[in-house]
């Protein structure tokens, strides 16, 4: 998928649509298609990471009720563009403009800091805004298609006995974990806890503990935003 951006006195720049990964370790992976991905270093990583996951960026539909955030990319000149979803508010909670941000990127040659910690903190940060929008989130391998057989961590909020509670589950089931409880359920364990800052942070740790067992790196996964009202399995 592609579109052209006109520039003065120059030929239009062809921008490719790409699914965004999760910023971790100073890098981000993007998928032009399921067999063509690039790992890039983001110079202004703080600003870039601050707008991803806020619900303000353009998304693409992966399957009914399932969306992922996307960017526009021209690898030959190292240009990555984030565009605002016109249905969203124009500014994030941090005050950054959500749309029309362009970034000069280059192929990643090193990882900075602790990317697993970055992944955990990112997941914890995006949860409450997603719940406010009425969404669930799923951490899954990145790409353009939803694969029902792929591993996932699913996190949502629901009312149980008049109290808002976090619910987190994963597939395949986690075994020999220090934090996931043992379970005989072939569908894997499902954990519910009151929703507050501490449990939101814990969700990041639970997610990372599961993802580390998938044989992937932190930048190999992305977030799928789920609308329960549009999911076939919730309507059946």
C-alpha atoms as a PDB file:
ATOM      1  CA  UNK A   1       0.000   0.000   0.000  1.00  0.00           C
ATOM      2  CA  UNK A   2       1.297   3.436  -0.831  1.00  0.00           C
ATOM      3  CA  UNK A   3       0.375   7.037  -1.485  1.00  0.00           C
ATOM      4  CA  UNK A   4       2.222  10.071  -2.816  1.00  0.00           C
ATOM      5  CA  UNK A   5       3.114  13.251  -0.973  1.00  0.00           C
ATOM      6  CA  UNK A   6       3.766  16.281  -3.258  1.00  0.00           C
ATOM      7  CA  UNK A   7       6.811  18.468  -2.626  1.00  0.00           C
ATOM      8  CA  UNK A   8       7.579  21.811  -4.267  1.00  0.00           C
ATOM      9  CA  UNK A   9       9.680  21.558  -7.453  1.00  0.00           C
ATOM     10  CA  UNK A  10      10.214  17.860  -6.864  1.00  0.00           C
ATOM     11  CA  UNK A  11       8.601  14.623  -7.880  1.00  0.00           C
ATOM     12  CA  UNK A  12       6.062  13.286  -5.393  1.00  0.00           C
ATOM     13  CA  UNK A  13       7.473  11.096  -2.650  1.00  0.00           C
ATOM     14  CA  UNK A  14       5.850   7.691  -2.567  1.00  0.00           C
ATOM     15  CA  UNK A  15       5.074   6.772   1.038  1.00  0.00           C
ATOM     16  CA  UNK A  16       4.402   3.188   1.998  1.00  0.00           C
ATOM     17  CA  UNK A  17       1.858   2.338   4.669  1.00  0.00           C
ATOM     18  CA  UNK A  18       3.382   0.287   7.490  1.00  0.00           C
ATOM     19  CA  UNK A  19       2.147  -1.214  10.743  1.00  0.00           C
ATOM     20  CA  UNK A  20       3.902   0.291  13.758  1.00  0.00           C
ATOM     21  CA  UNK A  21       5.659  -1.817  16.330  1.00  0.00           C
ATOM     22  CA  UNK A  22       6.325  -0.838  19.935  1.00  0.00           C
ATOM     23  CA  UNK A  23       9.266   1.520  20.581  1.00  0.00           C
ATOM     24  CA  UNK A  24      11.813  -0.345  22.700  1.00  0.00           C
ATOM     25  CA  UNK A  25      15.528   0.078  23.177  1.00  0.00           C
ATOM     26  CA  UNK A  26      15.592   3.220  21.029  1.00  0.00           C
ATOM     27  CA  UNK A  27      14.319   1.336  17.970  1.00  0.00           C
ATOM     28  CA  UNK A  28      10.978   0.574  16.348  1.00  0.00           C
ATOM     29  CA  UNK A  29      10.028  -2.087  13.834  1.00  0.00           C
ATOM     30  CA  UNK A  30       7.536  -1.383  11.059  1.00  0.00           C
ATOM     31  CA  UNK A  31       5.912  -3.859   8.681  1.00  0.00           C
ATOM     32  CA  UNK A  32       5.244  -2.862   5.074  1.00  0.00           C
ATOM     33  CA  UNK A  33       3.730  -6.333   4.659  1.00  0.00           C
ATOM     34  CA  UNK A  34       4.029  -9.631   6.508  1.00  0.00           C
ATOM     35  CA  UNK A  35       7.293 -10.470   4.718  1.00  0.00           C
ATOM     36  CA  UNK A  36       8.873  -7.025   4.547  1.00  0.00           C
ATOM     37  CA  UNK A  37       9.786  -5.288   7.811  1.00  0.00           C
ATOM     38  CA  UNK A  38      12.391  -2.735   8.828  1.00  0.00           C
ATOM     39  CA  UNK A  39      13.993  -1.948  12.173  1.00  0.00           C
ATOM     40  CA  UNK A  40      14.780   1.744  12.611  1.00  0.00           C
ATOM     41  CA  UNK A  41      16.459   4.047  15.057  1.00  0.00           C
ATOM     42  CA  UNK A  42      14.332   7.036  16.064  1.00  0.00           C
ATOM     43  CA  UNK A  43      16.427  10.157  16.854  1.00  0.00           C
ATOM     44  CA  UNK A  44      13.618  11.903  18.782  1.00  0.00           C
ATOM     45  CA  UNK A  45      12.586   8.749  20.587  1.00  0.00           C
ATOM     46  CA  UNK A  46      10.859  10.414  23.564  1.00  0.00           C
ATOM     47  CA  UNK A  47       8.450  12.410  21.405  1.00  0.00           C
ATOM     48  CA  UNK A  48       7.891   9.510  19.032  1.00  0.00           C
ATOM     49  CA  UNK A  49       7.128   7.048  21.824  1.00  0.00           C
ATOM     50  CA  UNK A  50       4.865   9.552  23.588  1.00  0.00           C
ATOM     51  CA  UNK A  51       2.284   9.634  20.783  1.00  0.00           C
ATOM     52  CA  UNK A  52       2.178   5.914  19.992  1.00  0.00           C
ATOM     53  CA  UNK A  53      -0.581   4.127  21.871  1.00  0.00           C
ATOM     54  CA  UNK A  54      -2.509   7.278  22.773  1.00  0.00           C
ATOM     55  CA  UNK A  55      -5.408   6.527  20.429  1.00  0.00           C
ATOM     56  CA  UNK A  56      -4.653   9.560  18.271  1.00  0.00           C
ATOM     57  CA  UNK A  57      -2.804   7.948  15.345  1.00  0.00           C
ATOM     58  CA  UNK A  58      -4.213   6.550  12.135  1.00  0.00           C
ATOM     59  CA  UNK A  59      -5.076   2.860  12.329  1.00  0.00           C
ATOM     60  CA  UNK A  60      -5.672   0.023   9.897  1.00  0.00           C
ATOM     61  CA  UNK A  61      -8.289  -2.690  10.290  1.00  0.00           C
ATOM     62  CA  UNK A  62      -6.723  -6.141  10.622  1.00  0.00           C
ATOM     63  CA  UNK A  63      -9.998  -8.041  11.105  1.00  0.00           C
ATOM     64  CA  UNK A  64     -13.466  -7.089  12.369  1.00  0.00           C
ATOM     65  CA  UNK A  65     -13.022  -5.208  15.633  1.00  0.00           C
ATOM     66  CA  UNK A  66      -9.192  -5.356  15.490  1.00  0.00           C
ATOM     67  CA  UNK A  67      -6.995  -2.373  14.559  1.00  0.00           C
ATOM     68  CA  UNK A  68      -3.290  -1.562  14.632  1.00  0.00           C
ATOM     69  CA  UNK A  69      -1.590   1.816  14.441  1.00  0.00           C
ATOM     70  CA  UNK A  70       0.157   2.608  11.178  1.00  0.00           C
ATOM     71  CA  UNK A  71       2.692   5.073   9.819  1.00  0.00           C
ATOM     72  CA  UNK A  72       3.896   6.137   6.383  1.00  0.00           C
ATOM     73  CA  UNK A  73       7.432   5.296   5.366  1.00  0.00           C
ATOM     74  CA  UNK A  74       9.884   5.910   2.573  1.00  0.00           C
ATOM     75  CA  UNK A  75      12.917   3.735   3.384  1.00  0.00           C
ATOM     76  CA  UNK A  76      15.093   5.098   0.567  1.00  0.00           C
ATOM     77  CA  UNK A  77      15.254   8.572   2.147  1.00  0.00           C
ATOM     78  CA  UNK A  78      14.697   7.531   5.771  1.00  0.00           C
ATOM     79  CA  UNK A  79      11.373   9.348   6.178  1.00  0.00           C
ATOM     80  CA  UNK A  80       8.730   8.128   8.629  1.00  0.00           C
ATOM     81  CA  UNK A  81       5.453  10.034   9.066  1.00  0.00           C
ATOM     82  CA  UNK A  82       2.858   9.711  11.807  1.00  0.00           C
ATOM     83  CA  UNK A  83      -0.595  10.952  10.903  1.00  0.00           C
ATOM     84  CA  UNK A  84      -3.425  11.894  13.184  1.00  0.00           C
ATOM     85  CA  UNK A  85      -6.669   9.973  13.228  1.00  0.00           C
ATOM     86  CA  UNK A  86      -9.172  12.718  12.409  1.00  0.00           C
ATOM     87  CA  UNK A  87     -11.663  11.188  14.842  1.00  0.00           C
ATOM     88  CA  UNK A  88      -9.263  11.612  17.775  1.00  0.00           C
ATOM     89  CA  UNK A  89      -8.367  14.621  19.888  1.00  0.00           C
ATOM     90  CA  UNK A  90      -5.617  16.716  18.354  1.00  0.00           C
ATOM     91  CA  UNK A  91      -3.300  16.593  21.361  1.00  0.00           C
ATOM     92  CA  UNK A  92      -2.059  13.914  23.713  1.00  0.00           C
ATOM     93  CA  UNK A  93      -2.171  14.152  27.496  1.00  0.00           C
ATOM     94  CA  UNK A  94       1.467  15.207  27.353  1.00  0.00           C
ATOM     95  CA  UNK A  95       0.625  18.141  25.107  1.00  0.00           C
ATOM     96  CA  UNK A  96       2.339  16.828  21.991  1.00  0.00           C
ATOM     97  CA  UNK A  97       0.551  17.342  18.680  1.00  0.00           C
ATOM     98  CA  UNK A  98      -0.591  13.893  17.629  1.00  0.00           C
ATOM     99  CA  UNK A  99      -0.517  14.334  13.886  1.00  0.00           C
ATOM    100  CA  UNK A 100       1.728  15.302  11.012  1.00  0.00           C
ATOM    101  CA  UNK A 101       4.939  14.356  12.792  1.00  0.00           C
ATOM    102  CA  UNK A 102       7.774  13.414  10.452  1.00  0.00           C
ATOM    103  CA  UNK A 103      10.964  11.723  11.574  1.00  0.00           C
ATOM    104  CA  UNK A 104      14.287  11.129   9.910  1.00  0.00           C
ATOM    105  CA  UNK A 105      15.066   7.479  10.597  1.00  0.00           C
ATOM    106  CA  UNK A 106      17.988   5.202   9.889  1.00  0.00           C
ATOM    107  CA  UNK A 107      18.465   1.437  10.069  1.00  0.00           C
ATOM    108  CA  UNK A 108      19.020   0.373  13.659  1.00  0.00           C
ATOM    109  CA  UNK A 109      22.553  -0.721  14.456  1.00  0.00           C
ATOM    110  CA  UNK A 110      22.342  -0.866  18.246  1.00  0.00           C
ATOM    111  CA  UNK A 111      19.857  -1.138  21.076  1.00  0.00           C
ATOM    112  CA  UNK A 112      19.826   1.399  23.900  1.00  0.00           C
ATOM    113  CA  UNK A 113      19.024   0.571  27.518  1.00  0.00           C
ATOM    114  CA  UNK A 114      16.691  -2.276  28.457  1.00  0.00           C
ATOM    115  CA  UNK A 115      14.150  -2.932  25.670  1.00  0.00           C
ATOM    116  CA  UNK A 116      12.160  -5.409  27.782  1.00  0.00           C
ATOM    117  CA  UNK A 117      11.703  -2.746  30.447  1.00  0.00           C
ATOM    118  CA  UNK A 118      10.613  -0.307  27.721  1.00  0.00           C
ATOM    119  CA  UNK A 119       8.039  -2.839  26.502  1.00  0.00           C
ATOM    120  CA  UNK A 120       6.673  -3.343  30.012  1.00  0.00           C
ATOM    121  CA  UNK A 121       6.365   0.396  30.643  1.00  0.00           C
ATOM    122  CA  UNK A 122       4.759   1.010  27.249  1.00  0.00           C
ATOM    123  CA  UNK A 123       2.064  -1.601  27.862  1.00  0.00           C
ATOM    124  CA  UNK A 124       1.327  -0.227  31.337  1.00  0.00           C
ATOM    125  CA  UNK A 125       1.074   3.335  29.965  1.00  0.00           C
ATOM    126  CA  UNK A 126      -1.416   2.647  27.179  1.00  0.00           C
ATOM    127  CA  UNK A 127      -3.887   0.547  29.184  1.00  0.00           C
ATOM    128  CA  UNK A 128      -6.003   3.129  30.988  1.00  0.00           C
ATOM    129  CA  UNK A 129      -6.509   5.352  27.906  1.00  0.00           C
ATOM    130  CA  UNK A 130      -7.547   2.256  25.937  1.00  0.00           C
ATOM    131  CA  UNK A 131     -10.044   1.258  28.624  1.00  0.00           C
ATOM    132  CA  UNK A 132     -11.440   4.801  28.605  1.00  0.00           C
ATOM    133  CA  UNK A 133     -12.074   4.377  24.869  1.00  0.00           C
ATOM    134  CA  UNK A 134     -13.886   1.111  25.569  1.00  0.00           C
ATOM    135  CA  UNK A 135     -11.102  -0.987  24.041  1.00  0.00           C
ATOM    136  CA  UNK A 136      -9.151  -4.079  24.992  1.00  0.00           C
ATOM    137  CA  UNK A 137      -5.540  -4.499  23.944  1.00  0.00           C
ATOM    138  CA  UNK A 138      -3.719  -7.538  22.649  1.00  0.00           C
ATOM    139  CA  UNK A 139       0.064  -7.790  22.464  1.00  0.00           C
ATOM    140  CA  UNK A 140       0.813  -9.953  19.424  1.00  0.00           C
ATOM    141  CA  UNK A 141       3.506 -10.611  16.813  1.00  0.00           C
ATOM    142  CA  UNK A 142       3.585  -7.684  14.391  1.00  0.00           C
ATOM    143  CA  UNK A 143       2.426  -7.593  10.794  1.00  0.00           C
ATOM    144  CA  UNK A 144      -0.587  -6.822   8.634  1.00  0.00           C
ATOM    145  CA  UNK A 145      -2.772  -9.842   9.349  1.00  0.00           C
ATOM    146  CA  UNK A 146      -4.516 -11.224  12.397  1.00  0.00           C
ATOM    147  CA  UNK A 147      -3.492 -14.854  12.915  1.00  0.00           C
ATOM    148  CA  UNK A 148      -5.825 -16.635  15.339  1.00  0.00           C
ATOM    149  CA  UNK A 149      -3.131 -19.258  15.996  1.00  0.00           C
ATOM    150  CA  UNK A 150      -0.464 -16.684  16.947  1.00  0.00           C
ATOM    151  CA  UNK A 151       0.474 -16.152  20.607  1.00  0.00           C
ATOM    152  CA  UNK A 152      -1.083 -13.208  22.419  1.00  0.00           C
ATOM    153  CA  UNK A 153      -1.508 -11.421  25.709  1.00  0.00           C
ATOM    154  CA  UNK A 154      -5.018  -9.988  26.095  1.00  0.00           C
ATOM    155  CA  UNK A 155      -5.728  -7.248  28.648  1.00  0.00           C
ATOM    156  CA  UNK A 156      -9.064  -5.612  29.406  1.00  0.00           C
ATOM    157  CA  UNK A 157     -11.156  -4.025  32.125  1.00  0.00           C
ATOM    158  CA  UNK A 158     -14.569  -5.241  33.248  1.00  0.00           C
ATOM    159  CA  UNK A 159     -17.047  -4.810  36.062  1.00  0.00           C
ATOM    160  CA  UNK A 160     -17.033  -7.693  38.565  1.00  0.00           C
ATOM    161  CA  UNK A 161     -19.280  -7.416  41.638  1.00  0.00           C
ATOM    162  CA  UNK A 162     -19.616  -3.674  41.106  1.00  0.00           C
ATOM    163  CA  UNK A 163     -15.844  -3.107  40.939  1.00  0.00           C
ATOM    164  CA  UNK A 164     -13.714  -2.303  37.898  1.00  0.00           C
ATOM    165  CA  UNK A 165     -11.148  -5.048  37.542  1.00  0.00           C
ATOM    166  CA  UNK A 166      -8.279  -5.747  35.191  1.00  0.00           C
ATOM    167  CA  UNK A 167      -8.356  -9.068  33.402  1.00  0.00           C
ATOM    168  CA  UNK A 168      -5.278 -10.494  31.686  1.00  0.00           C
ATOM    169  CA  UNK A 169      -4.815 -13.784  29.889  1.00  0.00           C
ATOM    170  CA  UNK A 170      -2.283 -15.276  27.528  1.00  0.00           C
ATOM    171  CA  UNK A 171      -1.962 -18.013  24.959  1.00  0.00           C
ATOM    172  CA  UNK A 172      -0.084 -20.299  24.824  1.00  0.00           C
ATOM    173  CA  UNK A 173      -0.263 -20.940  28.573  1.00  0.00           C
ATOM    174  CA  UNK A 174       2.766 -19.829  30.570  1.00  0.00           C
ATOM    175  CA  UNK A 175       4.510 -22.538  32.570  1.00  0.00           C
ATOM    176  CA  UNK A 176       7.313 -22.359  35.138  1.00  0.00           C
ATOM    177  CA  UNK A 177       6.706 -18.665  35.761  1.00  0.00           C
ATOM    178  CA  UNK A 178       7.524 -16.723  38.907  1.00  0.00           C
ATOM    179  CA  UNK A 179       4.511 -14.434  38.420  1.00  0.00           C
ATOM    180  CA  UNK A 180       1.852 -16.249  36.356  1.00  0.00           C
ATOM    181  CA  UNK A 181      -0.102 -18.688  38.550  1.00  0.00           C
ATOM    182  CA  UNK A 182      -0.121 -22.367  37.569  1.00  0.00           C
ATOM    183  CA  UNK A 183      -3.219 -23.451  35.673  1.00  0.00           C
ATOM    184  CA  UNK A 184      -4.650 -26.732  34.405  1.00  0.00           C
ATOM    185  CA  UNK A 185      -6.848 -24.870  31.917  1.00  0.00           C
ATOM    186  CA  UNK A 186      -5.666 -25.655  28.342  1.00  0.00           C
ATOM    187  CA  UNK A 187      -6.733 -22.107  27.420  1.00  0.00           C
ATOM    188  CA  UNK A 188      -4.229 -20.765  29.950  1.00  0.00           C
ATOM    189  CA  UNK A 189      -4.690 -18.782  33.146  1.00  0.00           C
ATOM    190  CA  UNK A 190      -6.919 -15.726  33.441  1.00  0.00           C
ATOM    191  CA  UNK A 191      -6.025 -13.224  36.160  1.00  0.00           C
ATOM    192  CA  UNK A 192      -8.385 -10.576  37.563  1.00  0.00           C
ATOM    193  CA  UNK A 193      -7.379  -7.794  39.953  1.00  0.00           C
ATOM    194  CA  UNK A 194      -8.708  -4.373  41.035  1.00  0.00           C
ATOM    195  CA  UNK A 195      -7.738  -1.629  38.607  1.00  0.00           C
ATOM    196  CA  UNK A 196      -5.229   0.844  40.049  1.00  0.00           C
ATOM    197  CA  UNK A 197      -1.753   2.169  39.220  1.00  0.00           C
ATOM    198  CA  UNK A 198      -0.008  -0.822  40.763  1.00  0.00           C
ATOM    199  CA  UNK A 199      -1.972  -3.430  38.813  1.00  0.00           C
ATOM    200  CA  UNK A 200      -1.585  -1.454  35.592  1.00  0.00           C
ATOM    201  CA  UNK A 201       2.191  -1.592  36.047  1.00  0.00           C
ATOM    202  CA  UNK A 202       1.958  -5.288  36.878  1.00  0.00           C
ATOM    203  CA  UNK A 203       0.215  -5.951  33.556  1.00  0.00           C
ATOM    204  CA  UNK A 204       3.366  -4.822  31.777  1.00  0.00           C
ATOM    205  CA  UNK A 205       5.429  -7.312  33.771  1.00  0.00           C
ATOM    206  CA  UNK A 206       2.968 -10.150  33.146  1.00  0.00           C
ATOM    207  CA  UNK A 207       2.915  -9.378  29.421  1.00  0.00           C
ATOM    208  CA  UNK A 208       6.708  -9.307  29.153  1.00  0.00           C
ATOM    209  CA  UNK A 209       7.004 -12.590  31.063  1.00  0.00           C
ATOM    210  CA  UNK A 210       4.752 -14.198  28.442  1.00  0.00           C
ATOM    211  CA  UNK A 211       6.274 -12.527  25.368  1.00  0.00           C
ATOM    212  CA  UNK A 212       9.816 -13.524  26.380  1.00  0.00           C
ATOM    213  CA  UNK A 213       8.760 -17.159  25.879  1.00  0.00           C
ATOM    214  CA  UNK A 214       7.675 -16.644  22.257  1.00  0.00           C
ATOM    215  CA  UNK A 215      11.211 -16.609  20.851  1.00  0.00           C
ATOM    216  CA  UNK A 216      10.950 -12.944  19.781  1.00  0.00           C
ATOM    217  CA  UNK A 217      12.573  -9.627  20.653  1.00  0.00           C
ATOM    218  CA  UNK A 218      10.590  -6.748  22.227  1.00  0.00           C
ATOM    219  CA  UNK A 219      10.428  -4.881  18.903  1.00  0.00           C
ATOM    220  CA  UNK A 220       8.912  -7.921  17.131  1.00  0.00           C
ATOM    221  CA  UNK A 221       5.498  -7.397  18.742  1.00  0.00           C
ATOM    222  CA  UNK A 222       2.799  -4.788  18.312  1.00  0.00           C
ATOM    223  CA  UNK A 223      -0.476  -3.810  19.939  1.00  0.00           C
ATOM    224  CA  UNK A 224      -3.847  -4.676  18.468  1.00  0.00           C
ATOM    225  CA  UNK A 225      -6.715  -2.511  19.740  1.00  0.00           C
ATOM    226  CA  UNK A 226      -9.951  -4.456  20.098  1.00  0.00           C
ATOM    227  CA  UNK A 227     -13.453  -3.029  20.041  1.00  0.00           C
ATOM    228  CA  UNK A 228     -15.662  -5.572  21.880  1.00  0.00           C
ATOM    229  CA  UNK A 229     -18.789  -4.334  20.126  1.00  0.00           C
ATOM    230  CA  UNK A 230     -17.277  -5.236  16.746  1.00  0.00           C
ATOM    231  CA  UNK A 231     -15.642  -8.556  17.658  1.00  0.00           C
ATOM    232  CA  UNK A 232     -17.580 -11.525  16.227  1.00  0.00           C
ATOM    233  CA  UNK A 233     -16.705 -13.701  19.242  1.00  0.00           C
ATOM    234  CA  UNK A 234     -18.241 -11.134  21.618  1.00  0.00           C
ATOM    235  CA  UNK A 235     -21.442 -10.908  19.587  1.00  0.00           C
ATOM    236  CA  UNK A 236     -22.076 -14.638  19.252  1.00  0.00           C
END
